[in-house]
Amino acid sequence: KDSGCLLTLANYVTSSEPQGQLNALRAISTCSGKPENCQILHDNEIETTIMTVLGGENAGVLAQACRTVSTMAANPLVKETFTKIGVVQALMNLIGHEDQTVQEMSSLSLANL
């Protein structure tokens, strides 16, 4: 299968445009429900890309990144990688965020990890 679309989405996650990041994270969250898509994303180190986004400032993007972590954590390889690269600590830091949705989504993601 052609993985080009998934990799293009991954590139949008690190764009400087919050709306592009948000849409890409939503799409990745949806696509990662299929094990083969999740594997492609994992093979291309999407976990590291998402970890970078968790250090951002836009509340909408942070909340969606947390949702994406929560969804992708269903895959054991992804879950292990998230744990190894420090996503747990990043999510713990977001529990104290001023935005309630970010707080809730980071808590949900921690529960799924």
C-alpha atoms as a PDB file:
ATOM      1  CA  LYS A   1       0.000   0.000   0.000  1.00  0.00           C
ATOM      2  CA  ASP A   2       1.040   3.573  -0.598  1.00  0.00           C
ATOM      3  CA  SER A   3       1.896   5.274   2.692  1.00  0.00           C
ATOM      4  CA  GLY A   4       2.415   8.707   1.122  1.00  0.00           C
ATOM      5  CA  CYS A   5      -0.812  10.192   2.472  1.00  0.00           C
ATOM      6  CA  LEU A   6      -0.015   9.168   6.032  1.00  0.00           C
ATOM      7  CA  LEU A   7       3.470  10.613   5.772  1.00  0.00           C
ATOM      8  CA  THR A   8       2.099  13.852   4.354  1.00  0.00           C
ATOM      9  CA  LEU A   9      -0.205  14.092   7.370  1.00  0.00           C
ATOM     10  CA  ALA A  10       2.774  13.569   9.653  1.00  0.00           C
ATOM     11  CA  ASN A  11       4.526  16.504   7.973  1.00  0.00           C
ATOM     12  CA  TYR A  12       1.538  18.769   8.655  1.00  0.00           C
ATOM     13  CA  VAL A  13       1.748  17.975  12.365  1.00  0.00           C
ATOM     14  CA  THR A  14       4.952  19.997  12.590  1.00  0.00           C
ATOM     15  CA  SER A  15       3.745  22.896  10.459  1.00  0.00           C
ATOM     16  CA  SER A  16       3.702  26.387  11.920  1.00  0.00           C
ATOM     17  CA  GLU A  17      -0.022  26.718  11.177  1.00  0.00           C
ATOM     18  CA  PRO A  18      -2.128  25.553  14.160  1.00  0.00           C
ATOM     19  CA  GLN A  19      -5.165  24.716  12.012  1.00  0.00           C
ATOM     20  CA  GLY A  20      -3.009  22.491   9.803  1.00  0.00           C
ATOM     21  CA  GLN A  21      -1.577  20.774  12.874  1.00  0.00           C
ATOM     22  CA  LEU A  22      -5.042  20.284  14.330  1.00  0.00           C
ATOM     23  CA  ASN A  23      -6.465  18.779  11.142  1.00  0.00           C
ATOM     24  CA  ALA A  24      -3.453  16.502  10.667  1.00  0.00           C
ATOM     25  CA  LEU A  25      -3.642  15.253  14.251  1.00  0.00           C
ATOM     26  CA  ARG A  26      -7.368  14.554  13.857  1.00  0.00           C
ATOM     27  CA  ALA A  27      -6.736  12.590  10.672  1.00  0.00           C
ATOM     28  CA  ILE A  28      -3.854  10.652  12.238  1.00  0.00           C
ATOM     29  CA  SER A  29      -6.009   9.813  15.230  1.00  0.00           C
ATOM     30  CA  THR A  30      -8.709   8.469  12.917  1.00  0.00           C
ATOM     31  CA  CYS A  31      -6.327   6.611  10.607  1.00  0.00           C
ATOM     32  CA  SER A  32      -4.407   5.009  13.438  1.00  0.00           C
ATOM     33  CA  GLY A  33      -7.467   2.948  14.305  1.00  0.00           C
ATOM     34  CA  LYS A  34      -6.367   0.520  11.594  1.00  0.00           C
ATOM     35  CA  PRO A  35      -3.342  -1.508  12.713  1.00  0.00           C
ATOM     36  CA  GLU A  36      -1.600  -1.280   9.324  1.00  0.00           C
ATOM     37  CA  ASN A  37      -1.848   2.534   9.344  1.00  0.00           C
ATOM     38  CA  CYS A  38      -0.643   2.708  12.912  1.00  0.00           C
ATOM     39  CA  GLN A  39       2.339   0.544  11.946  1.00  0.00           C
ATOM     40  CA  ILE A  40       3.253   2.862   9.061  1.00  0.00           C
ATOM     41  CA  LEU A  41       3.045   5.869  11.364  1.00  0.00           C
ATOM     42  CA  HIS A  42       5.121   4.083  14.011  1.00  0.00           C
ATOM     43  CA  ASP A  43       7.744   3.055  11.447  1.00  0.00           C
ATOM     44  CA  ASN A  44       8.083   6.730  10.540  1.00  0.00           C
ATOM     45  CA  GLU A  45       8.456   7.820  14.174  1.00  0.00           C
ATOM     46  CA  ILE A  46       5.187   9.696  14.513  1.00  0.00           C
ATOM     47  CA  GLU A  47       5.502   9.346  18.279  1.00  0.00           C
ATOM     48  CA  THR A  48       8.491  11.711  18.300  1.00  0.00           C
ATOM     49  CA  THR A  49       6.598  14.176  16.134  1.00  0.00           C
ATOM     50  CA  ILE A  50       3.620  14.132  18.502  1.00  0.00           C
ATOM     51  CA  MET A  51       5.956  14.508  21.482  1.00  0.00           C
ATOM     52  CA  THR A  52       7.261  17.727  19.915  1.00  0.00           C
ATOM     53  CA  VAL A  53       3.717  19.060  19.553  1.00  0.00           C
ATOM     54  CA  LEU A  54       3.004  18.340  23.236  1.00  0.00           C
ATOM     55  CA  GLY A  55       5.525  21.064  24.045  1.00  0.00           C
ATOM     56  CA  GLY A  56       3.585  23.671  22.073  1.00  0.00           C
ATOM     57  CA  GLU A  57       1.344  26.495  23.211  1.00  0.00           C
ATOM     58  CA  ASN A  58      -1.899  26.292  21.220  1.00  0.00           C
ATOM     59  CA  ALA A  59      -4.546  24.754  23.494  1.00  0.00           C
ATOM     60  CA  GLY A  60      -6.557  23.259  20.627  1.00  0.00           C
ATOM     61  CA  VAL A  61      -3.501  21.572  19.164  1.00  0.00           C
ATOM     62  CA  LEU A  62      -2.399  20.337  22.596  1.00  0.00           C
ATOM     63  CA  ALA A  63      -5.820  18.839  23.313  1.00  0.00           C
ATOM     64  CA  GLN A  64      -5.901  17.084  19.940  1.00  0.00           C
ATOM     65  CA  ALA A  65      -2.339  15.820  20.380  1.00  0.00           C
ATOM     66  CA  CYS A  66      -3.437  14.311  23.697  1.00  0.00           C
ATOM     67  CA  ARG A  67      -6.440  12.700  22.002  1.00  0.00           C
ATOM     68  CA  THR A  68      -4.134  11.276  19.357  1.00  0.00           C
ATOM     69  CA  VAL A  69      -1.817   9.837  22.002  1.00  0.00           C
ATOM     70  CA  SER A  70      -4.840   8.310  23.717  1.00  0.00           C
ATOM     71  CA  THR A  71      -6.061   6.693  20.494  1.00  0.00           C
ATOM     72  CA  MET A  72      -2.665   5.480  19.323  1.00  0.00           C
ATOM     73  CA  ALA A  73      -1.846   4.007  22.746  1.00  0.00           C
ATOM     74  CA  ALA A  74      -4.062   1.051  21.810  1.00  0.00           C
ATOM     75  CA  ASN A  75      -1.102  -0.205  19.744  1.00  0.00           C
ATOM     76  CA  PRO A  76       1.458  -1.895  22.046  1.00  0.00           C
ATOM     77  CA  LEU A  77       4.494  -0.752  20.010  1.00  0.00           C
ATOM     78  CA  VAL A  78       3.302   2.839  19.971  1.00  0.00           C
ATOM     79  CA  LYS A  79       2.445   2.702  23.664  1.00  0.00           C
ATOM     80  CA  GLU A  80       5.944   1.444  24.478  1.00  0.00           C
ATOM     81  CA  THR A  81       7.550   4.139  22.330  1.00  0.00           C
ATOM     82  CA  PHE A  82       5.463   6.899  23.902  1.00  0.00           C
ATOM     83  CA  THR A  83       6.609   5.713  27.318  1.00  0.00           C
ATOM     84  CA  LYS A  84      10.287   5.509  26.296  1.00  0.00           C
ATOM     85  CA  ILE A  85      10.441   9.000  24.788  1.00  0.00           C
ATOM     86  CA  GLY A  86       8.921  10.810  27.766  1.00  0.00           C
ATOM     87  CA  VAL A  87       5.333  11.376  26.705  1.00  0.00           C
ATOM     88  CA  VAL A  88       4.107  10.425  30.183  1.00  0.00           C
ATOM     89  CA  GLN A  89       6.017  13.341  31.728  1.00  0.00           C
ATOM     90  CA  ALA A  90       4.816  15.719  29.003  1.00  0.00           C
ATOM     91  CA  LEU A  91       1.211  14.682  29.682  1.00  0.00           C
ATOM     92  CA  MET A  92       1.686  15.081  33.440  1.00  0.00           C
ATOM     93  CA  ASN A  93       2.889  18.623  32.814  1.00  0.00           C
ATOM     94  CA  LEU A  94      -0.266  19.341  30.796  1.00  0.00           C
ATOM     95  CA  ILE A  95      -2.584  18.307  33.632  1.00  0.00           C
ATOM     96  CA  GLY A  96      -1.872  21.722  35.147  1.00  0.00           C
ATOM     97  CA  HIS A  97      -2.591  23.588  31.885  1.00  0.00           C
ATOM     98  CA  GLU A  98      -4.960  26.570  32.101  1.00  0.00           C
ATOM     99  CA  ASP A  99      -7.274  25.076  29.458  1.00  0.00           C
ATOM    100  CA  GLN A 100      -9.738  22.555  30.894  1.00  0.00           C
ATOM    101  CA  THR A 101      -9.930  20.500  27.691  1.00  0.00           C
ATOM    102  CA  VAL A 102      -6.150  20.101  27.678  1.00  0.00           C
ATOM    103  CA  GLN A 103      -6.313  18.989  31.308  1.00  0.00           C
ATOM    104  CA  GLU A 104      -9.015  16.429  30.551  1.00  0.00           C
ATOM    105  CA  MET A 105      -7.368  15.058  27.426  1.00  0.00           C
ATOM    106  CA  SER A 106      -3.965  14.754  29.075  1.00  0.00           C
ATOM    107  CA  SER A 107      -5.564  12.829  31.953  1.00  0.00           C
ATOM    108  CA  LEU A 108      -7.338  10.512  29.506  1.00  0.00           C
ATOM    109  CA  SER A 109      -4.100   9.921  27.613  1.00  0.00           C
ATOM    110  CA  LEU A 110      -2.251   9.085  30.820  1.00  0.00           C
ATOM    111  CA  ALA A 111      -4.964   6.599  31.736  1.00  0.00           C
ATOM    112  CA  ASN A 112      -4.562   4.907  28.334  1.00  0.00           C
ATOM    113  CA  LEU A 113      -0.791   4.739  28.592  1.00  0.00           C
END
